[in-house]
C-alpha atoms as a PDB file:
ATOM      1  CA  MET A   1      81.849 -56.275 -48.253  1.00  0.00           C
ATOM      2  CA  ALA A   2      79.131 -57.363 -45.431  1.00  0.00           C
ATOM      3  CA  ARG A   3      80.814 -55.676 -42.524  1.00  0.00           C
ATOM      4  CA  ASN A   4      81.718 -52.647 -44.630  1.00  0.00           C
ATOM      5  CA  THR A   5      77.623 -52.454 -45.219  1.00  0.00           C
ATOM      6  CA  GLU A   6      77.346 -53.011 -41.407  1.00  0.00           C
ATOM      7  CA  GLN A   7      79.815 -49.772 -40.938  1.00  0.00           C
ATOM      8  CA  LYS A   8      78.695 -47.792 -42.640  1.00  0.00           C
ATOM      9  CA  GLU A   9      74.667 -48.278 -42.088  1.00  0.00           C
ATOM     10  CA  LYS A  10      76.071 -48.511 -37.992  1.00  0.00           C
ATOM     11  CA  ILE A  11      77.175 -44.324 -38.683  1.00  0.00           C
ATOM     12  CA  ILE A  12      74.395 -43.176 -41.222  1.00  0.00           C
ATOM     13  CA  ARG A  13      71.897 -44.851 -37.732  1.00  0.00           C
ATOM     14  CA  PHE A  14      74.092 -42.776 -35.016  1.00  0.00           C
ATOM     15  CA  TYR A  15      72.823 -39.616 -37.029  1.00  0.00           C
ATOM     16  CA  ARG A  16      69.199 -40.230 -37.913  1.00  0.00           C
ATOM     17  CA  GLY A  17      66.839 -37.990 -36.807  1.00  0.00           C
ATOM     18  CA  THR A  18      69.072 -34.968 -36.787  1.00  0.00           C
ATOM     19  CA  GLU A  19      69.537 -32.021 -38.482  1.00  0.00           C
ATOM     20  CA  GLY A  20      72.352 -34.247 -39.457  1.00  0.00           C
ATOM     21  CA  GLU A  21      71.590 -36.628 -41.492  1.00  0.00           C
ATOM     22  CA  GLU A  22      71.904 -35.510 -44.708  1.00  0.00           C
ATOM     23  CA  THR A  23      75.687 -35.125 -43.494  1.00  0.00           C
ATOM     24  CA  VAL A  24      76.970 -38.060 -43.591  1.00  0.00           C
ATOM     25  CA  VAL A  25      75.534 -40.076 -46.093  1.00  0.00           C
ATOM     26  CA  LYS A  26      77.143 -37.498 -48.409  1.00  0.00           C
ATOM     27  CA  LEU A  27      80.257 -38.032 -46.298  1.00  0.00           C
ATOM     28  CA  VAL A  28      80.082 -42.588 -45.979  1.00  0.00           C
ATOM     29  CA  ASP A  29      79.654 -41.892 -49.674  1.00  0.00           C
ATOM     30  CA  MET A  30      82.396 -40.081 -50.079  1.00  0.00           C
ATOM     31  CA  ALA A  31      84.718 -42.026 -47.700  1.00  0.00           C
ATOM     32  CA  GLU A  32      83.835 -45.252 -48.844  1.00  0.00           C
ATOM     33  CA  ASN A  33      84.981 -43.499 -53.036  1.00  0.00           C
ATOM     34  CA  VAL A  34      88.130 -42.739 -50.668  1.00  0.00           C
ATOM     35  CA  CYS A  35      88.177 -46.369 -49.686  1.00  0.00           C
ATOM     36  CA  ARG A  36      88.017 -48.557 -53.442  1.00  0.00           C
ATOM     37  CA  THR A  37      89.638 -46.420 -54.820  1.00  0.00           C
ATOM     38  CA  GLN A  38      92.439 -45.432 -52.394  1.00  0.00           C
ATOM     39  CA  LYS A  39      92.133 -41.716 -54.284  1.00  0.00           C
ATOM     40  CA  PHE A  40      90.817 -38.906 -52.489  1.00  0.00           C
ATOM     41  CA  ARG A  41      87.304 -36.942 -52.538  1.00  0.00           C
ATOM     42  CA  LEU A  42      86.665 -32.796 -51.491  1.00  0.00           C
ATOM     43  CA  SER A  43      83.261 -31.987 -49.489  1.00  0.00           C
ATOM     44  CA  GLY A  44      80.505 -29.197 -50.267  1.00  0.00           C
ATOM     45  CA  PHE A  45      81.119 -26.232 -47.232  1.00  0.00           C
ATOM     46  CA  LEU A  46      80.692 -27.958 -43.632  1.00  0.00           C
ATOM     47  CA  ASP A  47      79.264 -26.482 -40.943  1.00  0.00           C
ATOM     48  CA  PRO A  48      81.186 -26.783 -37.548  1.00  0.00           C
ATOM     49  CA  PHE A  49      77.790 -29.562 -36.826  1.00  0.00           C
ATOM     50  CA  GLY A  50      79.189 -31.178 -39.997  1.00  0.00           C
ATOM     51  CA  GLN A  51      83.121 -30.785 -39.786  1.00  0.00           C
ATOM     52  CA  GLU A  52      82.790 -33.086 -36.049  1.00  0.00           C
ATOM     53  CA  ILE A  53      80.638 -36.134 -38.274  1.00  0.00           C
ATOM     54  CA  ALA A  54      83.366 -35.377 -40.976  1.00  0.00           C
ATOM     55  CA  GLU A  55      85.647 -36.447 -38.060  1.00  0.00           C
ATOM     56  CA  THR A  56      83.657 -39.370 -36.587  1.00  0.00           C
ATOM     57  CA  VAL A  57      83.138 -41.112 -39.846  1.00  0.00           C
ATOM     58  CA  ALA A  58      87.203 -40.818 -40.543  1.00  0.00           C
ATOM     59  CA  ALA A  59      87.365 -42.418 -37.387  1.00  0.00           C
ATOM     60  CA  ASN A  60      85.841 -45.414 -38.175  1.00  0.00           C
ATOM     61  CA  TYR A  61      87.610 -45.261 -41.951  1.00  0.00           C
ATOM     62  CA  PRO A  62      91.454 -46.307 -40.552  1.00  0.00           C
ATOM     63  CA  ASN A  63      93.055 -46.018 -43.540  1.00  0.00           C
ATOM     64  CA  ILE A  64      91.891 -42.415 -44.124  1.00  0.00           C
ATOM     65  CA  LYS A  65      92.664 -39.528 -43.014  1.00  0.00           C
ATOM     66  CA  VAL A  66      90.996 -35.439 -42.427  1.00  0.00           C
ATOM     67  CA  ASP A  67      91.332 -32.546 -43.426  1.00  0.00           C
ATOM     68  CA  PHE A  68      89.438 -29.060 -43.853  1.00  0.00           C
ATOM     69  CA  GLU A  69      90.062 -25.178 -45.174  1.00  0.00           C
ATOM     70  CA  GLY A  70      88.000 -22.920 -44.988  1.00  0.00           C
ATOM     71  CA  GLY A  71      89.776 -19.923 -47.920  1.00  0.00           C
ATOM     72  CA  TYR A  72      91.780 -17.848 -45.198  1.00  0.00           C
ATOM     73  CA  GLN A  73      92.216 -18.075 -41.095  1.00  0.00           C
ATOM     74  CA  GLY A  74      90.210 -19.077 -38.856  1.00  0.00           C
ATOM     75  CA  ALA A  75      87.039 -19.862 -41.680  1.00  0.00           C
ATOM     76  CA  GLU A  76      83.186 -20.900 -39.489  1.00  0.00           C
ATOM     77  CA  ARG A  77      82.047 -22.663 -42.596  1.00  0.00           C
ATOM     78  CA  SER A  78      85.180 -25.438 -44.665  1.00  0.00           C
ATOM     79  CA  ARG A  79      85.473 -27.974 -46.527  1.00  0.00           C
ATOM     80  CA  ALA A  80      86.748 -32.107 -45.607  1.00  0.00           C
ATOM     81  CA  VAL A  81      88.971 -34.011 -47.754  1.00  0.00           C
ATOM     82  CA  TYR A  82      89.163 -37.629 -47.361  1.00  0.00           C
ATOM     83  CA  VAL A  83      92.107 -38.760 -48.054  1.00  0.00           C
ATOM     84  CA  HIS A  84      94.453 -42.623 -48.381  1.00  0.00           C
ATOM     85  CA  GLU A  85      96.889 -43.292 -46.871  1.00  0.00           C
ATOM     86  CA  ASP A  86      97.882 -45.496 -49.941  1.00  0.00           C
ATOM     87  CA  PHE A  87      97.313 -42.128 -52.595  1.00  0.00           C
ATOM     88  CA  GLN A  88     100.680 -41.495 -54.365  1.00  0.00           C
ATOM     89  CA  GLY A  89      99.810 -37.864 -55.152  1.00  0.00           C
ATOM     90  CA  THR A  90      98.784 -34.700 -53.204  1.00  0.00           C
ATOM     91  CA  PRO A  91      94.819 -33.391 -53.315  1.00  0.00           C
ATOM     92  CA  GLY A  92      95.682 -30.225 -54.877  1.00  0.00           C
ATOM     93  CA  SER A  93      93.916 -27.571 -54.146  1.00  0.00           C
ATOM     94  CA  TYR A  94      90.399 -27.190 -51.963  1.00  0.00           C
ATOM     95  CA  GLU A  95      88.987 -24.830 -55.068  1.00  0.00           C
ATOM     96  CA  ILE A  96      87.996 -22.354 -52.933  1.00  0.00           C
ATOM     97  CA  ASP A  97      87.254 -18.848 -54.585  1.00  0.00           C
ATOM     98  CA  CYS A  98      86.302 -15.543 -53.468  1.00  0.00           C
ATOM     99  CA  ILE A  99      83.417 -13.022 -55.082  1.00  0.00           C
ATOM    100  CA  GLU A 100      83.533  -9.272 -53.678  1.00  0.00           C
ATOM    101  CA  ALA A 101      80.103  -8.339 -54.184  1.00  0.00           C
ATOM    102  CA  SER A 102      79.780  -3.790 -53.095  1.00  0.00           C
ATOM    103  CA  TRP A 103      76.751  -1.564 -53.298  1.00  0.00           C
ATOM    104  CA  ASN A 104      76.656   1.991 -51.718  1.00  0.00           C
ATOM    105  CA  GLY A 105      76.264   2.208 -48.364  1.00  0.00           C
ATOM    106  CA  GLN A 106      75.123   5.215 -47.470  1.00  0.00           C
ATOM    107  CA  PHE A 107      71.977   4.577 -48.749  1.00  0.00           C
ATOM    108  CA  ALA A 108      71.827   0.993 -47.924  1.00  0.00           C
ATOM    109  CA  ARG A 109      72.518  -1.268 -44.880  1.00  0.00           C
ATOM    110  CA  LEU A 110      72.701  -5.506 -46.609  1.00  0.00           C
ATOM    111  CA  SER A 111      72.589  -7.666 -43.279  1.00  0.00           C
ATOM    112  CA  HIS A 112      73.726 -11.228 -43.456  1.00  0.00           C
ATOM    113  CA  ARG A 113      70.198 -12.810 -44.066  1.00  0.00           C
ATOM    114  CA  ASP A 114      70.006 -10.509 -47.381  1.00  0.00           C
ATOM    115  CA  VAL A 115      73.347 -11.779 -48.919  1.00  0.00           C
ATOM    116  CA  LEU A 116      72.268 -15.439 -48.059  1.00  0.00           C
ATOM    117  CA  GLY A 117      68.466 -15.055 -49.022  1.00  0.00           C
ATOM    118  CA  ALA A 118      69.990 -13.207 -52.351  1.00  0.00           C
ATOM    119  CA  LEU A 119      71.821 -16.518 -52.368  1.00  0.00           C
ATOM    120  CA  MET A 120      69.224 -18.860 -52.048  1.00  0.00           C
ATOM    121  CA  GLY A 121      67.057 -17.120 -54.549  1.00  0.00           C
ATOM    122  CA  LEU A 122      69.624 -18.257 -57.253  1.00  0.00           C
ATOM    123  CA  GLY A 123      69.331 -21.460 -56.691  1.00  0.00           C
ATOM    124  CA  ILE A 124      72.578 -21.904 -55.381  1.00  0.00           C
ATOM    125  CA  GLU A 125      72.757 -24.797 -52.737  1.00  0.00           C
ATOM    126  CA  ARG A 126      74.367 -23.544 -49.176  1.00  0.00           C
ATOM    127  CA  ASP A 127      76.903 -25.762 -49.590  1.00  0.00           C
ATOM    128  CA  ARG A 128      78.093 -24.354 -52.255  1.00  0.00           C
ATOM    129  CA  LEU A 129      79.366 -21.195 -49.465  1.00  0.00           C
ATOM    130  CA  GLY A 130      81.412 -21.005 -47.431  1.00  0.00           C
ATOM    131  CA  ASP A 131      81.412 -17.932 -45.146  1.00  0.00           C
ATOM    132  CA  LEU A 132      79.599 -14.604 -46.544  1.00  0.00           C
ATOM    133  CA  LEU A 133      82.001 -11.893 -44.634  1.00  0.00           C
ATOM    134  CA  VAL A 134      79.557  -8.298 -44.689  1.00  0.00           C
ATOM    135  CA  ASN A 135      80.762  -4.626 -43.833  1.00  0.00           C
ATOM    136  CA  THR A 136      78.662  -1.675 -43.961  1.00  0.00           C
ATOM    137  CA  ASP A 137      79.307  -1.156 -47.463  1.00  0.00           C
ATOM    138  CA  ALA A 138      80.506  -5.134 -49.084  1.00  0.00           C
ATOM    139  CA  VAL A 139      79.634  -9.030 -48.871  1.00  0.00           C
ATOM    140  CA  LYS A 140      83.162 -11.854 -49.554  1.00  0.00           C
ATOM    141  CA  ILE A 141      81.308 -14.485 -50.926  1.00  0.00           C
ATOM    142  CA  ILE A 142      83.429 -17.567 -50.185  1.00  0.00           C
ATOM    143  CA  CYS A 143      82.073 -19.915 -52.652  1.00  0.00           C
ATOM    144  CA  GLU A 144      83.598 -23.215 -54.781  1.00  0.00           C
ATOM    145  CA  GLN A 145      85.986 -22.441 -57.682  1.00  0.00           C
ATOM    146  CA  LYS A 146      83.312 -23.256 -60.346  1.00  0.00           C
ATOM    147  CA  MET A 147      80.029 -21.100 -58.563  1.00  0.00           C
ATOM    148  CA  ALA A 148      82.470 -18.021 -58.764  1.00  0.00           C
ATOM    149  CA  ASP A 149      81.884 -17.505 -62.627  1.00  0.00           C
ATOM    150  CA  TYR A 150      77.939 -18.104 -62.240  1.00  0.00           C
ATOM    151  CA  LEU A 151      78.176 -15.125 -58.866  1.00  0.00           C
ATOM    152  CA  LEU A 152      80.189 -13.277 -61.840  1.00  0.00           C
ATOM    153  CA  GLN A 153      77.216 -13.221 -63.986  1.00  0.00           C
ATOM    154  CA  ASN A 154      74.875 -13.208 -62.200  1.00  0.00           C
ATOM    155  CA  LEU A 155      74.091 -12.017 -58.369  1.00  0.00           C
ATOM    156  CA  THR A 156      73.159  -8.171 -59.535  1.00  0.00           C
ATOM    157  CA  GLN A 157      70.906  -7.542 -56.685  1.00  0.00           C
ATOM    158  CA  ILE A 158      71.214  -8.079 -53.139  1.00  0.00           C
ATOM    159  CA  GLY A 159      66.951  -7.987 -51.798  1.00  0.00           C
ATOM    160  CA  ALA A 160      66.391  -4.205 -54.051  1.00  0.00           C
ATOM    161  CA  VAL A 161      70.071  -2.994 -53.695  1.00  0.00           C
ATOM    162  CA  GLY A 162      72.022  -3.244 -56.272  1.00  0.00           C
ATOM    163  CA  VAL A 163      75.418  -4.536 -56.659  1.00  0.00           C
ATOM    164  CA  SER A 164      78.030  -5.349 -58.981  1.00  0.00           C
ATOM    165  CA  CYS A 165      80.784  -8.407 -58.680  1.00  0.00           C
ATOM    166  CA  GLN A 166      84.389  -8.850 -59.127  1.00  0.00           C
ATOM    167  CA  ARG A 167      86.918 -12.318 -57.591  1.00  0.00           C
ATOM    168  CA  VAL A 168      89.484 -11.027 -55.061  1.00  0.00           C
ATOM    169  CA  GLU A 169      92.297 -12.675 -53.494  1.00  0.00           C
ATOM    170  CA  LEU A 170      91.875 -15.229 -50.603  1.00  0.00           C
ATOM    171  CA  SER A 171      95.222 -13.366 -49.235  1.00  0.00           C
ATOM    172  CA  THR A 172      93.261  -9.797 -49.180  1.00  0.00           C
ATOM    173  CA  ILE A 173      90.921 -11.716 -46.507  1.00  0.00           C
ATOM    174  CA  ALA A 174      91.888 -11.247 -42.970  1.00  0.00           C
ATOM    175  CA  PRO A 175      92.119 -13.940 -40.542  1.00  0.00           C
ATOM    176  CA  ARG A 176      89.592 -13.959 -37.762  1.00  0.00           C
ATOM    177  CA  GLU A 177      90.460 -12.897 -34.071  1.00  0.00           C
ATOM    178  CA  GLU A 178      87.767 -13.794 -31.692  1.00  0.00           C
ATOM    179  CA  ARG A 179      87.262 -11.911 -28.888  1.00  0.00           C
ATOM    180  CA  CYS A 180      86.559 -14.277 -25.295  1.00  0.00           C
ATOM    181  CA  LYS A 181      84.789 -12.995 -23.064  1.00  0.00           C
ATOM    182  CA  GLU A 182      84.229 -15.054 -19.459  1.00  0.00           C
ATOM    183  CA  ILE A 183      81.434 -14.998 -18.025  1.00  0.00           C
ATOM    184  CA  THR A 184      80.472 -16.696 -13.497  1.00  0.00           C
ATOM    185  CA  ALA A 185      76.623 -17.591 -13.683  1.00  0.00           C
ATOM    186  CA  THR A 186      74.022 -17.821 -11.495  1.00  0.00           C
ATOM    187  CA  VAL A 187      71.316 -19.628 -13.742  1.00  0.00           C
ATOM    188  CA  ALA A 188      67.913 -21.437 -11.773  1.00  0.00           C
ATOM    189  CA  SER A 189      68.154 -24.088 -13.719  1.00  0.00           C
ATOM    190  CA  LEU A 190      70.538 -25.437 -16.746  1.00  0.00           C
ATOM    191  CA  ARG A 191      67.658 -24.814 -19.187  1.00  0.00           C
ATOM    192  CA  VAL A 192      68.588 -23.300 -22.488  1.00  0.00           C
ATOM    193  CA  ASP A 193      66.921 -20.303 -21.923  1.00  0.00           C
ATOM    194  CA  SER A 194      68.490 -19.402 -18.882  1.00  0.00           C
ATOM    195  CA  ILE A 195      71.576 -20.007 -19.817  1.00  0.00           C
ATOM    196  CA  ALA A 196      71.668 -17.715 -23.398  1.00  0.00           C
ATOM    197  CA  ALA A 197      69.829 -15.525 -21.424  1.00  0.00           C
ATOM    198  CA  SER A 198      72.842 -14.982 -18.758  1.00  0.00           C
ATOM    199  CA  GLY A 199      75.658 -16.005 -21.627  1.00  0.00           C
ATOM    200  CA  PHE A 200      74.243 -13.612 -24.244  1.00  0.00           C
ATOM    201  CA  GLY A 201      72.627 -10.678 -21.451  1.00  0.00           C
ATOM    202  CA  PHE A 202      69.606 -10.286 -22.696  1.00  0.00           C
ATOM    203  CA  SER A 203      65.942 -11.863 -21.059  1.00  0.00           C
ATOM    204  CA  ARG A 204      64.245 -15.858 -20.646  1.00  0.00           C
ATOM    205  CA  SER A 205      61.615 -14.545 -22.460  1.00  0.00           C
ATOM    206  CA  ARG A 206      63.641 -13.008 -24.955  1.00  0.00           C
ATOM    207  CA  ALA A 207      65.674 -16.071 -25.378  1.00  0.00           C
ATOM    208  CA  ALA A 208      62.376 -18.258 -25.544  1.00  0.00           C
ATOM    209  CA  SER A 209      61.304 -16.097 -28.850  1.00  0.00           C
ATOM    210  CA  ASP A 210      64.376 -16.209 -30.155  1.00  0.00           C
ATOM    211  CA  ILE A 211      64.289 -20.122 -29.279  1.00  0.00           C
ATOM    212  CA  ALA A 212      61.128 -20.607 -31.624  1.00  0.00           C
ATOM    213  CA  ALA A 213      62.193 -18.521 -34.480  1.00  0.00           C
ATOM    214  CA  ASP A 214      65.377 -20.933 -35.172  1.00  0.00           C
ATOM    215  CA  LYS A 215      67.579 -18.265 -34.093  1.00  0.00           C
ATOM    216  CA  LEU A 216      69.607 -19.765 -31.375  1.00  0.00           C
ATOM    217  CA  LYS A 217      71.621 -22.862 -32.034  1.00  0.00           C
ATOM    218  CA  LEU A 218      73.018 -25.139 -29.864  1.00  0.00           C
ATOM    219  CA  ASN A 219      76.157 -27.491 -31.012  1.00  0.00           C
ATOM    220  CA  TRP A 220      75.003 -26.444 -34.301  1.00  0.00           C
ATOM    221  CA  GLN A 221      72.297 -28.344 -34.427  1.00  0.00           C
ATOM    222  CA  THR A 222      67.987 -26.571 -34.171  1.00  0.00           C
ATOM    223  CA  VAL A 223      67.008 -26.019 -30.182  1.00  0.00           C
ATOM    224  CA  LYS A 224      63.978 -27.838 -30.052  1.00  0.00           C
ATOM    225  CA  SER A 225      62.668 -26.689 -26.998  1.00  0.00           C
ATOM    226  CA  ALA A 226      62.726 -23.707 -24.318  1.00  0.00           C
ATOM    227  CA  SER A 227      63.010 -26.231 -21.349  1.00  0.00           C
ATOM    228  CA  GLN A 228      66.259 -28.222 -23.269  1.00  0.00           C
ATOM    229  CA  THR A 229      69.262 -29.185 -21.123  1.00  0.00           C
ATOM    230  CA  ILE A 230      72.073 -28.006 -22.157  1.00  0.00           C
ATOM    231  CA  LYS A 231      75.020 -29.934 -19.947  1.00  0.00           C
ATOM    232  CA  GLU A 232      79.427 -28.685 -19.500  1.00  0.00           C
ATOM    233  CA  GLY A 233      80.662 -28.287 -22.913  1.00  0.00           C
ATOM    234  CA  ASP A 234      77.537 -27.731 -25.046  1.00  0.00           C
ATOM    235  CA  VAL A 235      78.396 -24.468 -27.126  1.00  0.00           C
ATOM    236  CA  LEU A 236      75.223 -22.438 -28.002  1.00  0.00           C
ATOM    237  CA  SER A 237      75.797 -20.109 -31.414  1.00  0.00           C
ATOM    238  CA  MET A 238      73.820 -17.521 -32.201  1.00  0.00           C
ATOM    239  CA  ARG A 239      74.187 -14.725 -35.190  1.00  0.00           C
ATOM    240  CA  GLY A 240      75.121 -11.524 -34.325  1.00  0.00           C
ATOM    241  CA  ARG A 241      76.115 -12.289 -30.964  1.00  0.00           C
ATOM    242  CA  GLY A 242      78.457 -15.025 -30.876  1.00  0.00           C
ATOM    243  CA  ARG A 243      79.164 -18.243 -29.282  1.00  0.00           C
ATOM    244  CA  LEU A 244      78.820 -19.279 -25.302  1.00  0.00           C
ATOM    245  CA  GLU A 245      80.769 -22.537 -24.463  1.00  0.00           C
ATOM    246  CA  VAL A 246      79.432 -23.534 -21.424  1.00  0.00           C
ATOM    247  CA  ALA A 247      82.916 -24.701 -19.506  1.00  0.00           C
ATOM    248  CA  GLU A 248      82.404 -25.372 -16.801  1.00  0.00           C
ATOM    249  CA  VAL A 249      79.030 -26.523 -14.120  1.00  0.00           C
ATOM    250  CA  ARG A 250      79.936 -26.127 -10.712  1.00  0.00           C
ATOM    251  CA  GLY A 251      77.657 -26.796  -7.757  1.00  0.00           C
ATOM    252  CA  GLN A 252      74.409 -25.282  -6.489  1.00  0.00           C
ATOM    253  CA  THR A 253      74.849 -22.009  -4.194  1.00  0.00           C
ATOM    254  CA  LYS A 254      72.645 -21.526  -0.439  1.00  0.00           C
ATOM    255  CA  LYS A 255      69.280 -21.011  -2.855  1.00  0.00           C
ATOM    256  CA  GLY A 256      69.415 -23.265  -4.779  1.00  0.00           C
ATOM    257  CA  ARG A 257      70.665 -21.924  -7.821  1.00  0.00           C
ATOM    258  CA  THR A 258      73.543 -23.313 -10.054  1.00  0.00           C
ATOM    259  CA  VAL A 259      76.544 -21.884 -10.847  1.00  0.00           C
ATOM    260  CA  VAL A 260      78.249 -22.434 -14.748  1.00  0.00           C
ATOM    261  CA  VAL A 261      81.355 -20.708 -15.822  1.00  0.00           C
ATOM    262  CA  LEU A 262      79.966 -19.422 -19.848  1.00  0.00           C
ATOM    263  CA  LYS A 263      82.160 -18.619 -21.830  1.00  0.00           C
ATOM    264  CA  ARG A 264      81.567 -15.853 -24.851  1.00  0.00           C
ATOM    265  CA  TYR A 265      83.070 -16.019 -28.137  1.00  0.00           C
ATOM    266  CA  PHE A 266      82.549 -12.579 -30.541  1.00  0.00           C
END
């Protein structure tokens, strides 16, 4: 028992002080429960950083394995399931549903932020929701099955716009298709604002403003400072502009600038 407690504290300590602290506590408790019951447990929806944490936790418990599902191919937010190696049954479904809220697109344009704000205003916790797939006149809301009826009954307005909701099949959601553009650039330094400016195509001052407004994420965590240094393999993400992977950091030019290879997914 002491060994298990020490192992649990070691994992949690690694993420202490980060945005993943609350997530890792929940996931470690899930893993401990699976080890005790020799069955399975299903998490809420996790962002990519949370999924990395789920994999790290599973790696520290040799008797369990982890798998993910977000409702459709290419989903960013997914639920994790921990399954004990001695469990003889099958975990069943991931208990994911989809509600489509639609509005008159001729008179209103709603954004991802508008939709998320309306859902938060209903008191729904973020981990009960998966991806929000917004287009000109509707949004497909991936959610836990337990939330579907609540949304059908209570989501009547997004911002000042009235919406109508219906349940739709997950099979109607098209797989996410990402395009990738490779960018070779020279930067004055490996500061996050410099890399973001080169990869997303705007000025460093704009990058600094977006960082201050918490619009830019580094490895799916808040960027602490515009001067934060990035390294090969890091991922920058910004809603509406996609993701930027630092694929390679090469040598310096004669003028002392650093050559980087960036992969932009959008």
